Protein backbone atom coordinates (compact mmCIF):
# COMPACT_ATOMS: atom_id res chain seq x y z
CA MET A 1 -15.91 -12.02 43.05
CA ARG A 2 -14.18 -8.44 42.13
CA HIS A 3 -11.51 -9.80 42.64
CA GLY A 4 -11.43 -12.00 39.98
CA ARG A 5 -13.16 -9.78 37.65
CA LYS A 6 -10.09 -7.56 38.35
CA ILE A 7 -7.83 -10.07 37.84
CA ALA A 8 -9.56 -10.93 34.19
CA LEU A 9 -9.81 -7.33 33.04
CA GLN A 10 -6.09 -7.19 33.48
CA ALA A 11 -4.92 -10.28 32.24
CA ALA A 12 -7.55 -9.61 28.96
CA GLY A 13 -5.34 -5.96 28.93
CA LEU A 14 -1.76 -8.19 28.95
CA TRP A 15 -3.33 -10.26 26.04
CA ARG A 16 -0.18 -9.35 23.43
CA GLN A 17 2.24 -10.12 26.83
CA ILE A 18 0.75 -13.44 27.31
CA LEU A 19 0.84 -14.67 23.64
CA MET A 20 4.19 -13.40 23.94
CA VAL A 21 4.76 -15.69 25.91
CA LEU A 22 2.59 -18.79 24.89
CA ILE A 23 3.12 -18.77 21.02
CA PRO A 24 6.58 -20.01 21.55
CA ILE A 25 5.30 -22.92 24.47
CA VAL A 26 2.89 -24.10 22.11
CA LEU A 27 4.92 -23.99 19.50
CA LEU A 28 7.85 -26.63 20.96
CA PRO A 29 6.50 -29.59 20.12
CA LEU A 30 7.69 -28.97 16.19
CA LEU A 31 11.09 -29.26 17.37
CA PHE A 32 10.81 -32.83 18.20
CA PHE A 33 9.88 -33.95 13.94
CA GLU A 34 11.27 -36.32 12.30
CA ASP A 35 12.43 -34.22 9.81
CA VAL A 36 14.64 -31.78 12.19
CA GLN A 37 15.66 -29.36 9.90
CA LYS A 38 12.48 -29.07 8.57
CA ALA A 39 10.32 -28.57 11.55
CA ARG A 40 13.29 -26.02 13.22
CA CYS A 41 12.99 -23.82 10.37
CA ALA A 42 9.33 -24.16 11.41
CA TYR A 43 9.51 -22.86 14.56
CA VAL A 44 11.13 -19.93 13.69
CA VAL A 45 9.10 -18.66 11.19
CA SER A 46 5.19 -19.80 12.86
CA ILE A 47 6.88 -17.49 15.77
CA VAL A 48 8.56 -14.87 13.44
CA GLY A 49 4.59 -15.39 11.45
CA LEU A 50 2.76 -14.98 15.09
CA TYR A 51 4.80 -11.76 16.44
CA TRP A 52 4.14 -10.15 13.20
CA ILE A 53 0.16 -10.86 14.20
CA VAL A 54 -0.51 -10.24 17.39
CA GLU A 55 2.38 -7.66 17.33
CA PRO A 56 3.62 -8.33 21.21
CA ILE A 57 6.73 -6.15 20.81
CA PRO A 58 7.83 -3.95 17.81
CA LEU A 59 8.12 -5.29 14.37
CA GLY A 60 11.72 -4.33 14.01
CA ALA A 61 12.29 -6.58 17.11
CA THR A 62 10.64 -9.45 15.88
CA SER A 63 12.63 -9.30 12.56
CA LEU A 64 15.58 -9.33 14.31
CA ILE A 65 14.23 -13.20 16.01
CA PRO A 66 15.88 -14.98 13.01
CA ILE A 67 19.23 -14.23 14.29
CA VAL A 68 18.90 -15.65 16.85
CA LEU A 69 17.17 -18.65 16.36
CA TYR A 70 18.65 -19.66 13.43
CA PRO A 71 21.91 -20.15 14.45
CA MET A 72 21.26 -21.77 17.59
CA LEU A 73 18.62 -24.46 16.14
CA GLY A 74 21.41 -24.62 13.28
CA VAL A 75 19.09 -23.48 9.93
CA LEU A 76 21.71 -21.07 9.12
CA THR A 77 24.88 -20.14 10.37
CA THR A 78 25.06 -16.33 12.49
CA GLU A 79 27.50 -14.65 9.39
CA LYS A 80 24.63 -15.80 7.28
CA THR A 81 21.82 -14.82 8.87
CA CYS A 82 23.11 -11.47 9.44
CA GLN A 83 24.45 -11.09 5.70
CA LEU A 84 20.83 -11.95 4.59
CA TYR A 85 19.67 -8.37 6.07
CA MET A 86 21.81 -5.70 5.03
CA ASN A 87 22.11 -7.48 0.87
CA ASP A 88 22.44 -5.70 -2.03
CA ILE A 89 18.35 -5.64 -2.67
CA ASN A 90 17.58 -4.23 0.87
CA LEU A 91 20.46 -1.94 0.36
CA MET A 92 19.13 -1.20 -2.74
CA PHE A 93 15.65 -0.38 -1.21
CA LEU A 94 17.08 1.43 1.75
CA GLY A 95 18.87 4.08 -1.23
CA THR A 96 14.93 4.15 -2.46
CA LEU A 97 13.75 5.27 0.93
CA ILE A 98 16.72 8.05 1.27
CA MET A 99 15.52 9.67 -2.07
CA ALA A 100 12.28 9.56 -0.19
CA VAL A 101 12.95 11.41 2.87
CA ALA A 102 14.84 14.05 -0.01
CA ILE A 103 11.97 14.34 -1.52
CA GLU A 104 10.09 14.98 2.11
CA HIS A 105 12.97 17.55 2.46
CA SER A 106 12.81 19.51 -0.42
CA HIS A 107 8.65 19.66 -0.40
CA LEU A 108 8.35 18.87 -4.03
CA HIS A 109 5.49 16.50 -2.93
CA GLN A 110 3.88 19.27 -2.18
CA ARG A 111 4.57 21.14 -4.48
CA ILE A 112 3.43 19.03 -7.55
CA ALA A 113 0.26 17.70 -5.26
CA LEU A 114 -1.03 21.01 -4.58
CA LYS A 115 -0.21 22.25 -8.10
CA THR A 116 -2.24 19.04 -9.66
CA LEU A 117 -5.28 19.71 -6.98
CA CYS A 118 -5.08 23.52 -8.34
CA LEU A 119 -5.32 22.13 -12.54
CA LEU A 120 -8.00 19.84 -11.41
CA GLY A 121 -10.86 22.05 -9.45
CA THR A 122 -12.21 21.31 -5.71
CA GLY A 123 -15.32 19.27 -7.12
CA ILE A 124 -15.61 16.09 -4.30
CA LYS A 125 -15.05 14.16 -7.73
CA MET A 126 -12.46 16.33 -9.52
CA LEU A 127 -10.75 15.69 -5.68
CA ALA A 128 -10.68 12.60 -5.44
CA PHE A 129 -9.44 12.14 -8.99
CA GLY A 130 -6.75 14.07 -8.40
CA LEU A 131 -5.54 12.75 -4.84
CA MET A 132 -6.32 9.45 -6.28
CA PHE A 133 -3.18 10.20 -8.94
CA ILE A 134 -1.05 12.01 -7.43
CA SER A 135 -0.77 9.01 -4.69
CA MET A 136 -0.43 6.67 -7.39
CA PHE A 137 2.47 8.54 -9.70
CA LEU A 138 4.38 9.05 -6.45
CA SER A 139 4.16 5.65 -4.94
CA ILE A 140 5.40 4.40 -8.48
CA TRP A 141 9.00 5.93 -7.49
CA ILE A 142 8.71 6.16 -3.84
CA ASN A 143 7.26 3.43 -0.77
CA ASN A 144 3.08 3.88 -0.66
CA VAL A 145 3.94 4.32 3.22
CA ALA A 146 5.74 6.67 2.70
CA ILE A 147 3.87 8.87 0.48
CA THR A 148 1.00 7.60 2.49
CA ALA A 149 2.83 10.32 5.13
CA MET A 150 3.65 12.66 2.77
CA MET A 151 -0.15 13.01 1.37
CA MET A 152 -1.55 12.91 5.26
CA PRO A 153 -0.77 17.05 5.23
CA VAL A 154 -2.38 17.78 2.08
CA THR A 155 -5.42 15.50 2.65
CA ASN A 156 -5.81 16.70 6.12
CA SER A 157 -5.99 20.55 5.11
CA LEU A 158 -8.00 19.95 2.15
CA ALA A 159 -10.87 17.80 4.20
CA HIS A 160 -10.79 20.90 7.32
CA GLU A 161 -11.27 23.65 4.53
CA LEU A 162 -13.76 21.66 2.24
CA LEU A 163 -15.38 20.65 5.16
CA GLN A 164 -15.78 24.27 7.04
CA GLU A 165 -16.08 25.99 4.04
CA ARG A 166 -19.28 23.28 3.56
CA ARG A 167 -20.92 23.65 7.19
CA ARG A 168 -20.41 27.83 6.28
CA SER A 169 -22.42 27.45 3.37
CA LEU A 170 -25.19 25.51 5.23
CA SER A 171 -25.54 27.91 8.24
CA LEU A 172 -26.08 30.27 5.20
CA GLY A 173 -28.65 28.61 3.36
CA ASN A 174 -26.04 28.18 -0.10
CA ILE A 175 -26.14 24.38 -0.43
CA GLU A 176 -29.13 22.03 1.06
CA ILE A 177 -28.13 18.82 2.79
CA GLU A 178 -28.10 15.64 0.99
CA GLY A 179 -31.41 13.72 1.50
CA LEU A 180 -33.18 17.16 3.00
CA ALA A 181 -35.47 17.55 -0.04
CA GLU A 182 -37.07 13.99 1.07
CA LEU A 183 -37.71 15.15 4.77
CA ARG A 184 -38.98 18.68 3.81
CA GLU A 185 -41.47 16.62 2.01
CA ARG A 186 -42.82 14.94 5.30
CA VAL A 187 -42.56 17.57 7.21
CA ALA A 188 -44.81 19.54 5.02
CA SER A 189 -47.64 16.60 4.43
CA LYS A 190 -47.36 16.08 8.54
CA GLY A 191 -48.04 19.79 8.83
CA ALA A 192 -50.77 20.27 6.44
CA ALA A 193 -52.29 17.23 8.38
CA ALA A 194 -51.89 19.33 12.18
CA ALA A 195 -53.06 22.26 10.56
CA SER A 196 -56.41 21.00 10.29
CA ASN A 197 -56.67 19.39 13.07
CA GLY A 198 -56.24 23.13 14.48
CA THR A 199 -52.30 22.38 16.34
CA LYS A 200 -49.20 24.58 15.49
CA LYS A 201 -47.64 24.72 12.56
CA LEU A 202 -44.52 22.66 11.60
CA LEU A 203 -41.99 24.97 10.26
CA PRO A 204 -40.34 24.64 6.76
CA LEU A 205 -37.38 22.98 6.89
CA GLN A 206 -35.73 26.42 5.31
CA ASP A 207 -37.14 28.41 8.12
CA VAL A 208 -35.61 26.54 10.92
CA ASN A 209 -33.44 29.56 12.23
CA ASP A 210 -36.65 31.49 12.52
CA GLY A 211 -37.83 32.29 15.90
CA ASP A 212 -41.45 32.17 15.10
CA SER A 213 -43.18 31.48 18.64
CA ASP A 214 -45.76 29.98 16.80
CA VAL A 215 -44.04 27.05 15.02
CA VAL A 216 -43.01 23.84 17.04
CA VAL A 217 -40.39 22.46 15.67
CA PRO A 218 -40.44 18.46 16.20
CA MET A 219 -36.61 17.06 17.93
CA LYS A 220 -36.71 14.24 15.51
CA VAL A 221 -36.83 16.52 12.78
CA ARG A 222 -34.03 18.03 14.41
CA ASN A 223 -32.02 15.54 14.70
CA ARG A 224 -32.88 14.06 11.57
CA ILE A 225 -31.66 17.39 9.48
CA SER A 226 -27.85 16.40 12.21
CA PHE A 227 -27.96 12.92 10.96
CA LEU A 228 -28.03 13.68 7.19
CA ASP A 229 -25.09 16.33 7.64
CA LYS A 230 -23.07 14.04 9.32
CA THR A 231 -23.17 11.25 7.22
CA THR A 232 -23.01 13.54 4.49
CA GLU A 233 -19.34 14.53 5.99
CA HIS A 234 -18.61 11.16 7.27
CA ARG A 235 -18.53 10.05 3.64
CA ILE A 236 -16.58 13.39 1.85
CA ARG A 237 -13.95 12.62 4.39
CA ALA A 238 -13.58 8.82 4.00
CA ILE A 239 -13.89 9.06 -0.06
CA LEU A 240 -10.90 12.20 0.43
CA TYR A 241 -8.49 9.90 2.40
CA LEU A 242 -9.05 6.43 1.18
CA SER A 243 -8.26 8.23 -2.55
CA VAL A 244 -4.92 8.95 -1.37
CA LEU A 245 -4.68 5.24 0.35
CA TYR A 246 -6.63 3.62 -3.11
CA GLY A 247 -3.96 5.51 -5.31
CA ALA A 248 -0.54 4.97 -3.22
CA ASN A 249 -1.07 0.57 -2.77
CA THR A 250 -1.92 0.83 -5.77
CA GLY A 251 0.72 2.42 -7.51
CA THR A 252 3.42 1.31 -5.57
CA ILE A 253 3.05 -2.79 -7.73
CA ALA A 254 4.03 -0.03 -10.80
CA THR A 255 8.08 -0.52 -10.59
CA ILE A 256 9.93 -3.43 -9.03
CA THR A 257 11.70 -1.15 -6.53
CA SER A 258 9.02 0.95 -4.67
CA GLY A 259 6.82 -1.58 -2.63
CA ALA A 260 8.46 -4.18 -0.50
CA SER A 261 6.97 -7.15 -1.42
CA ASN A 262 7.96 -6.74 -5.14
CA ILE A 263 11.96 -5.75 -3.55
CA VAL A 264 11.10 -9.54 -1.71
CA PHE A 265 10.13 -11.12 -5.59
CA LYS A 266 13.22 -9.93 -6.64
CA PHE A 267 15.16 -11.16 -3.80
CA VAL A 268 13.54 -14.29 -4.14
CA ILE A 269 14.09 -14.57 -7.94
CA GLU A 270 17.61 -13.71 -7.64
CA ASP A 271 17.84 -15.98 -5.54
CA LEU A 272 16.68 -19.01 -6.85
CA TYR A 273 18.05 -18.69 -10.16
CA GLY A 274 20.11 -16.01 -10.18
CA ASP A 275 20.45 -13.77 -13.44
CA ARG A 276 19.21 -16.62 -15.39
CA ALA A 277 15.29 -14.98 -15.24
CA PRO A 278 13.81 -11.92 -17.59
CA VAL A 279 13.04 -9.97 -14.98
CA ASP A 280 14.41 -6.44 -14.50
CA TYR A 281 12.96 -3.00 -14.19
CA ALA A 282 11.74 -2.49 -17.34
CA LEU A 283 10.15 -5.32 -18.15
CA TRP A 284 8.49 -5.23 -14.57
CA MET A 285 7.61 -1.53 -15.15
CA PHE A 286 6.05 -2.40 -18.68
CA PHE A 287 4.30 -4.96 -17.29
CA ALA A 288 3.35 -4.31 -13.04
CA LEU A 289 2.23 -0.43 -14.87
CA PRO A 290 -0.52 -0.64 -17.28
CA THR A 291 -2.12 -2.57 -14.73
CA ALA A 292 -1.70 0.09 -12.44
CA LEU A 293 -2.90 3.12 -14.13
CA ILE A 294 -6.01 0.41 -15.85
CA GLY A 295 -7.00 0.16 -12.04
CA THR A 296 -6.67 2.96 -10.26
CA GLY A 297 -8.69 4.47 -13.40
CA LEU A 298 -11.05 1.66 -12.28
CA ILE A 299 -11.34 2.42 -8.88
CA PHE A 300 -11.83 5.60 -8.82
CA VAL A 301 -15.11 5.42 -11.39
CA ALA A 302 -16.63 2.48 -9.03
CA VAL A 303 -15.99 4.35 -6.12
CA VAL A 304 -17.26 7.48 -5.58
CA PRO A 305 -20.45 6.03 -6.67
CA THR A 306 -20.58 4.14 -3.72
CA PHE A 307 -20.75 6.58 -1.49
CA PHE A 308 -22.50 8.85 -2.26
CA ARG A 309 -24.97 6.61 -4.67
CA CYS A 310 -23.87 8.09 -7.97
CA LYS A 311 -24.90 11.40 -6.88
CA SER A 312 -21.82 13.49 -4.76
CA PRO A 313 -22.99 16.11 -2.67
CA ASP A 314 -23.63 19.53 -3.43
CA LEU A 315 -20.76 21.61 -1.74
CA GLY A 316 -21.80 25.62 -3.32
CA GLU A 317 -20.22 28.06 -5.72
CA GLU A 318 -18.54 29.39 -2.55
CA SER A 319 -17.49 26.25 -0.64
CA ARG A 320 -15.93 25.08 -4.10
CA SER A 321 -13.89 28.60 -4.16
CA HIS A 322 -13.11 29.06 -0.70
CA THR A 323 -11.42 25.62 -0.73
CA MET A 324 -9.56 26.30 -4.34
CA ALA A 325 -8.53 29.58 -2.14
CA ALA A 326 -6.98 27.79 0.36
CA ILE A 327 -4.84 24.84 -1.57
CA ARG A 328 -3.64 28.06 -3.44
CA ARG A 329 -2.64 29.80 0.00
CA SER A 330 -1.13 26.66 0.58
CA TYR A 331 0.74 26.93 -2.58
CA ALA A 332 1.63 30.06 -2.64
CA ALA A 333 3.82 29.26 1.33
CA LEU A 334 5.65 27.09 -1.09
CA GLY A 335 6.67 30.06 -2.54
CA PRO A 336 8.82 29.69 -5.83
CA VAL A 337 10.88 26.54 -7.44
CA LYS A 338 13.60 26.74 -5.61
CA PHE A 339 17.22 24.95 -6.22
CA HIS A 340 16.44 22.50 -3.89
CA GLU A 341 13.57 20.65 -5.46
CA VAL A 342 14.60 21.22 -9.12
CA ALA A 343 18.04 19.22 -8.44
CA VAL A 344 16.07 16.73 -6.26
CA LEU A 345 13.79 16.05 -9.56
CA LEU A 346 16.84 15.83 -11.74
CA LEU A 347 18.28 12.95 -9.50
CA CYS A 348 14.98 11.25 -9.20
CA ILE A 349 14.98 11.46 -12.58
CA LEU A 350 18.42 10.45 -13.32
CA LEU A 351 18.07 6.85 -10.51
CA VAL A 352 15.41 6.39 -13.22
CA PHE A 353 17.15 6.41 -16.38
CA LEU A 354 19.79 4.20 -13.94
CA TRP A 355 17.64 1.54 -13.62
CA LEU A 356 15.21 1.41 -16.52
CA PHE A 357 19.10 1.12 -18.58
CA ARG A 358 21.23 -0.92 -16.48
CA ASP A 359 21.23 -3.67 -18.37
CA PRO A 360 17.67 -4.04 -20.28
CA MET A 361 16.38 -7.55 -22.21
CA PHE A 362 15.91 -5.18 -24.82
CA ALA A 363 19.31 -3.10 -25.39
CA ARG A 364 22.38 -3.01 -24.42
CA GLY A 365 23.03 -1.54 -21.20
CA TRP A 366 25.53 1.17 -19.23
CA ALA A 367 26.17 -1.78 -16.78
CA THR A 368 27.80 -3.70 -19.44
CA TYR A 369 30.57 -1.20 -20.08
CA PHE A 370 32.41 -2.24 -17.02
CA GLY A 371 33.97 -5.96 -18.50
CA THR A 372 32.66 -8.79 -16.34
CA ILE A 373 32.03 -7.62 -12.57
CA LYS A 374 28.31 -5.37 -13.61
CA PRO A 375 27.01 -3.05 -11.78
CA LYS A 376 23.71 -4.13 -10.35
CA ASP A 377 20.56 -1.51 -8.66
CA ALA A 378 21.88 -0.97 -6.03
CA THR A 379 25.22 0.66 -7.43
CA ALA A 380 22.50 2.60 -9.31
CA VAL A 381 20.57 4.46 -6.95
CA THR A 382 23.53 4.62 -4.59
CA ILE A 383 25.00 7.36 -7.00
CA PRO A 384 21.93 9.86 -6.84
CA VAL A 385 21.86 9.01 -2.91
CA ILE A 386 25.84 9.84 -2.95
CA LEU A 387 24.56 13.08 -4.82
CA LEU A 388 22.14 14.22 -2.52
CA PHE A 389 24.50 15.18 -0.28
CA MET A 390 27.66 16.61 -2.15
CA ILE A 391 24.89 19.10 -4.22
CA PRO A 392 24.63 22.42 -2.26
CA SER A 393 20.69 23.04 -2.13
CA LYS A 394 21.48 26.92 -2.09
CA PRO A 395 24.72 26.70 -4.08
CA TRP A 396 24.73 30.74 -4.61
CA GLU A 397 25.14 30.99 -0.89
CA GLY A 398 28.83 29.58 -1.31
CA ALA A 399 30.75 27.51 1.10
CA GLY A 400 27.94 28.24 3.74
CA SER A 401 25.08 26.62 1.57
CA PRO A 402 23.62 23.23 3.33
CA SER A 403 23.65 20.22 1.57
CA LEU A 404 20.36 18.96 -0.08
CA LEU A 405 20.17 15.89 2.63
CA SER A 406 21.66 15.58 5.90
CA TRP A 407 22.92 12.89 7.40
CA GLU A 408 20.65 13.84 10.47
CA MET A 409 17.48 14.68 8.15
CA VAL A 410 17.97 10.70 6.93
CA GLN A 411 18.29 9.58 11.00
CA ALA A 412 15.10 11.21 12.37
CA LYS A 413 13.43 10.65 8.70
CA LEU A 414 14.20 7.10 8.00
CA PRO A 415 12.27 4.26 8.81
CA TRP A 416 14.72 1.51 9.58
CA SER A 417 12.32 -1.20 11.04
CA VAL A 418 11.35 -1.37 7.11
CA ILE A 419 14.83 -2.43 7.32
CA LEU A 420 15.16 -4.59 9.08
CA LEU A 421 11.54 -6.25 8.10
CA ILE A 422 12.68 -6.74 4.91
CA GLY A 423 15.72 -8.02 5.80
CA SER A 424 13.75 -10.65 8.54
CA GLY A 425 11.65 -11.87 5.04
CA PHE A 426 15.16 -12.85 3.14
CA ALA A 427 16.64 -14.56 6.10
CA ILE A 428 13.25 -16.55 6.14
CA ALA A 429 12.62 -16.92 2.31
CA GLU A 430 16.78 -18.58 2.21
CA GLY A 431 15.82 -20.72 5.35
CA MET A 432 13.31 -22.16 4.41
CA ARG A 433 14.99 -23.14 1.06
CA VAL A 434 18.38 -24.43 2.55
CA SER A 435 15.71 -26.19 5.27
CA GLY A 436 13.83 -27.99 2.30
CA LEU A 437 10.87 -26.22 3.87
CA SER A 438 9.48 -24.35 1.37
CA GLU A 439 10.10 -27.61 -1.25
CA LEU A 440 8.08 -29.86 1.52
CA MET A 441 4.90 -27.08 1.45
CA GLY A 442 5.42 -27.46 -2.48
CA GLN A 443 4.13 -30.50 -2.76
CA LYS A 444 2.10 -31.05 -0.26
CA LEU A 445 0.45 -27.74 -3.15
CA ALA A 446 1.01 -30.35 -5.06
CA THR A 447 -2.52 -32.36 -5.13
CA LEU A 448 -3.41 -29.06 -6.53
CA GLY A 449 -2.37 -30.07 -9.84
CA HIS A 450 -5.49 -31.12 -10.86
CA MET A 451 -6.57 -27.92 -11.70
CA PRO A 452 -5.70 -25.47 -14.81
CA PRO A 453 -2.63 -23.75 -14.51
CA ILE A 454 -5.20 -20.21 -15.27
CA PRO A 455 -7.17 -20.93 -12.28
CA LEU A 456 -4.54 -21.90 -10.07
CA MET A 457 -2.76 -18.80 -10.80
CA ILE A 458 -6.14 -17.07 -9.45
CA CYS A 459 -6.42 -19.22 -6.10
CA LEU A 460 -2.74 -18.39 -5.37
CA SER A 461 -2.75 -15.26 -5.60
CA ILE A 462 -6.73 -14.36 -4.23
CA VAL A 463 -4.16 -16.71 -0.93
CA SER A 464 -1.59 -13.83 -1.48
CA SER A 465 -4.28 -10.77 -1.43
CA PHE A 466 -5.61 -11.93 1.82
CA MET A 467 -3.47 -12.75 3.87
CA SER A 468 -1.70 -9.67 3.30
CA GLU A 469 -4.79 -8.23 5.57
CA LEU A 470 -3.33 -9.77 8.32
CA VAL A 471 0.45 -9.47 7.78
CA SER A 472 2.33 -7.34 6.28
CA ASN A 473 2.96 -8.03 2.19
CA SER A 474 6.73 -9.22 2.17
CA ALA A 475 5.77 -11.48 5.24
CA THR A 476 3.22 -12.82 2.96
CA CYS A 477 5.47 -13.05 0.12
CA THR A 478 8.44 -13.67 2.46
CA VAL A 479 6.33 -17.26 2.92
CA LEU A 480 4.67 -17.85 -0.07
CA LEU A 481 6.80 -17.24 -3.03
CA PRO A 482 8.98 -19.46 -2.60
CA VAL A 483 7.25 -22.39 -2.48
CA PHE A 484 4.67 -21.53 -5.02
CA ASP A 485 7.82 -21.11 -6.83
CA GLU A 486 8.12 -25.05 -5.86
CA LEU A 487 4.45 -25.65 -6.71
CA ALA A 488 5.33 -24.46 -10.33
CA LYS A 489 8.41 -26.65 -10.12
CA ASP A 490 5.97 -29.63 -9.31
CA LEU A 491 3.40 -29.45 -11.95
CA HIS A 492 6.28 -28.36 -14.74
CA VAL A 493 4.66 -24.49 -14.71
CA ASN A 494 6.64 -21.24 -15.38
CA PRO A 495 7.42 -19.79 -12.24
CA LEU A 496 6.96 -16.12 -12.69
CA LEU A 497 3.02 -17.49 -13.71
CA PHE A 498 2.76 -18.19 -9.94
CA LEU A 499 4.96 -15.61 -8.32
CA ILE A 500 4.95 -12.73 -10.10
CA PRO A 501 0.65 -12.05 -10.02
CA ALA A 502 0.93 -13.08 -6.44
CA THR A 503 3.44 -10.32 -6.15
CA ILE A 504 1.30 -8.17 -7.01
CA ALA A 505 -1.72 -9.28 -5.03
CA SER A 506 0.00 -8.93 -1.71
CA ASN A 507 -0.64 -5.10 -2.49
CA TYR A 508 -3.90 -5.14 -2.60
CA ALA A 509 -4.42 -5.07 1.01
CA PHE A 510 -7.14 -2.55 1.31
CA LEU A 511 -9.67 -4.08 4.01
CA LEU A 512 -8.48 -3.80 6.76
CA PRO A 513 -6.17 -1.47 9.28
CA VAL A 514 -3.80 -3.76 10.41
CA GLY A 515 -2.70 -4.34 6.58
CA THR A 516 -0.11 -1.74 5.97
CA PRO A 517 0.90 1.16 8.27
CA ALA A 518 -0.14 3.06 4.99
CA ASN A 519 -4.28 1.46 6.13
CA ALA A 520 -3.81 2.35 9.76
CA MET A 521 -2.32 6.37 8.49
CA VAL A 522 -5.64 6.73 6.79
CA TYR A 523 -7.72 4.95 9.02
CA GLU A 524 -7.48 6.92 12.39
CA GLN A 525 -6.28 10.52 10.41
CA GLY A 526 -9.84 10.27 8.05
CA ARG A 527 -11.28 8.53 11.57
CA LEU A 528 -13.22 6.27 9.43
CA THR A 529 -15.15 3.08 10.98
CA LEU A 530 -14.28 -0.30 10.36
CA MET A 531 -17.18 -0.71 7.74
CA GLN A 532 -16.40 2.60 5.75
CA MET A 533 -13.09 1.03 4.77
CA VAL A 534 -14.41 -2.65 4.62
CA ILE A 535 -17.37 -2.57 2.52
CA PRO A 536 -15.44 0.00 -0.68
CA GLY A 537 -12.27 -1.71 0.26
CA PHE A 538 -14.10 -5.35 -0.92
CA LEU A 539 -14.88 -3.59 -4.29
CA VAL A 540 -11.54 -1.84 -4.56
CA LYS A 541 -10.12 -5.65 -4.51
CA THR A 542 -11.91 -7.87 -6.50
CA ILE A 543 -11.67 -4.94 -9.62
CA THR A 544 -7.45 -5.09 -8.97
CA MET A 545 -7.79 -8.40 -8.75
CA ALA A 546 -9.55 -9.13 -11.88
CA VAL A 547 -7.06 -6.29 -13.40
CA THR A 548 -4.20 -8.19 -12.62
CA VAL A 549 -5.31 -11.78 -14.31
CA ILE A 550 -6.93 -10.08 -17.14
CA LEU A 551 -3.37 -8.40 -17.85
CA THR A 552 -1.41 -11.44 -16.69
CA CYS A 553 -2.75 -13.69 -19.74
CA VAL A 554 -3.22 -10.44 -21.97
CA LEU A 555 0.81 -8.78 -21.25
CA GLY A 556 2.90 -12.15 -19.48
CA ASP A 557 3.70 -13.96 -21.72
CA PRO A 558 5.03 -11.53 -24.83
CA ILE A 559 6.53 -9.59 -22.08
CA PHE A 560 7.85 -12.39 -19.50
CA GLY A 561 7.19 -15.80 -21.63
CA MET A 562 4.87 -17.21 -18.80
CA PHE A 563 3.30 -19.99 -20.74
CA GLN A 564 6.27 -20.80 -23.25
CA GLU A 565 9.46 -23.38 -21.87
CA ALA A 566 11.05 -21.24 -19.22
CA ASP A 567 15.04 -22.43 -20.73
CA TRP A 568 16.57 -21.01 -17.64
CA ALA A 569 14.33 -22.47 -14.78
CA SER A 570 14.97 -26.04 -16.72
CA HIS A 571 18.23 -26.97 -14.68
CA THR A 572 15.46 -27.78 -11.60
CA ILE A 573 12.34 -27.96 -14.30
CA ALA A 574 14.85 -30.62 -16.84
CA GLY A 575 12.89 -30.86 -20.16
CA ASN A 576 10.24 -32.11 -19.25
CA TYR A 577 8.19 -29.15 -19.66
CA SER A 578 4.89 -28.46 -21.29
CA THR A 579 4.15 -25.65 -23.48
CA LEU A 580 0.85 -23.76 -22.30
CA SER A 581 -1.96 -21.42 -23.44
CA PRO A 582 -3.36 -18.83 -21.33
CA LEU A 583 -6.46 -20.85 -22.09
CA GLN A 584 -5.03 -24.11 -21.40
CA SER A 585 -7.40 -26.44 -19.49
């Protein structure tokens, strides 16, 4: 009996390894379906997708599976598959990650964060506001996972200082525990009843430290006081860490280069339609930046009352002043603004201008002056990246000055697994397109064609958003976007109406720690409970989804022509296209 129980426990501990072996075996019947190419592609996609969920091996290693199975099963050649892992779009993303490493190395992000917090103050609401909007602003330009990692030391320091000073103020009686007034009234009434019966009096709660031997403080009361204090502390920690997460995950939708799922969208749309689709850096930003700003503002308005029942806990004047002093000490430790920080900031601004004005739809861009072969976004990001290694960080030291960024720092800090993850996404998307699997899935979904375009767009966005709670957002877009594109073709709907909201919605993974690496970081370092993520996370997801849908209806047509005939897609829709109104049913 004991031996069998021991084996069962060992098997429970090895469940990932067991699934690692079982998944490819259980899926083998797919290889014997009549439509060989589609079935073989489905076999590879299913293995990779399930491995992404279960994680029996690291995500980066899972991302290499298409390089092995696609050529062996005849889906794509080895050359074609490998090229997809390092195409121009992935190199563009690599460039943004190197820029993020440069910002972290220069401590520019810390200066921006600490200076903003100095200006905003140290009340709970203002700290939450500051952390949320700093994270949102930074993640507009840099990957949200990198921003969350950068903001964790700042948040850790704030939480430690704030809670330490709050405990000190509580011990001195300068502030009161949330919910203590009601408890005091109950204890006072019981004390009066006890006194009338001739028993020992109960100690008033404000005098719990007086050593009055004639007074009995019930253990139940002491435990209740401790519980109230711990509950408030947990809420304070949760709101600080979740503010970073909500800001980073929402801000990452604002530019087409800042999020992994946005990068996948760019690949899918260019792979299917080349340069014909009316989507570039500037137009995406005009659409998604208002979505991010409005969404973040509404999140802030809704989340603090959720945690504190419309009343922030009392921190006390002394506690707030000590916290502000700690923030100022951290800022002072950075020293005066350095040439290193200024140079990195100027290169970031240069990069944004290169992207915005490369070849915008509203004006002639700088890329048009180079003849028929136009530089693309990967070229734009590579210019400041190379300059990072050319410009000295301390030019007054002459030849002995290190550059703004060293290659050793890039090797140490760059998340290579993310590069492989996105590359595998490109390979999977291309395999689904070439084999016809995405077309088949789109045709199956065409049974939803009885729904009006807007409700259907909402349903597809919800699917994308909730799928990203279990699988990475880039993997979600990799699988769904080609299918949604085929569905749009079958229904004679502008593909952007389905693809853009679904891409944006895939970034709204707020519920579970497994949703994104950023979620896992916040969950772990904030020592949150699952319900502290799920309850406010569902509210945040609802808010952001509603904002996305509303702004799609308001801005989608003026910016992208989502409800007009897509001339750029006419080769697939073949003129059999109906003009749609956002309100058409």
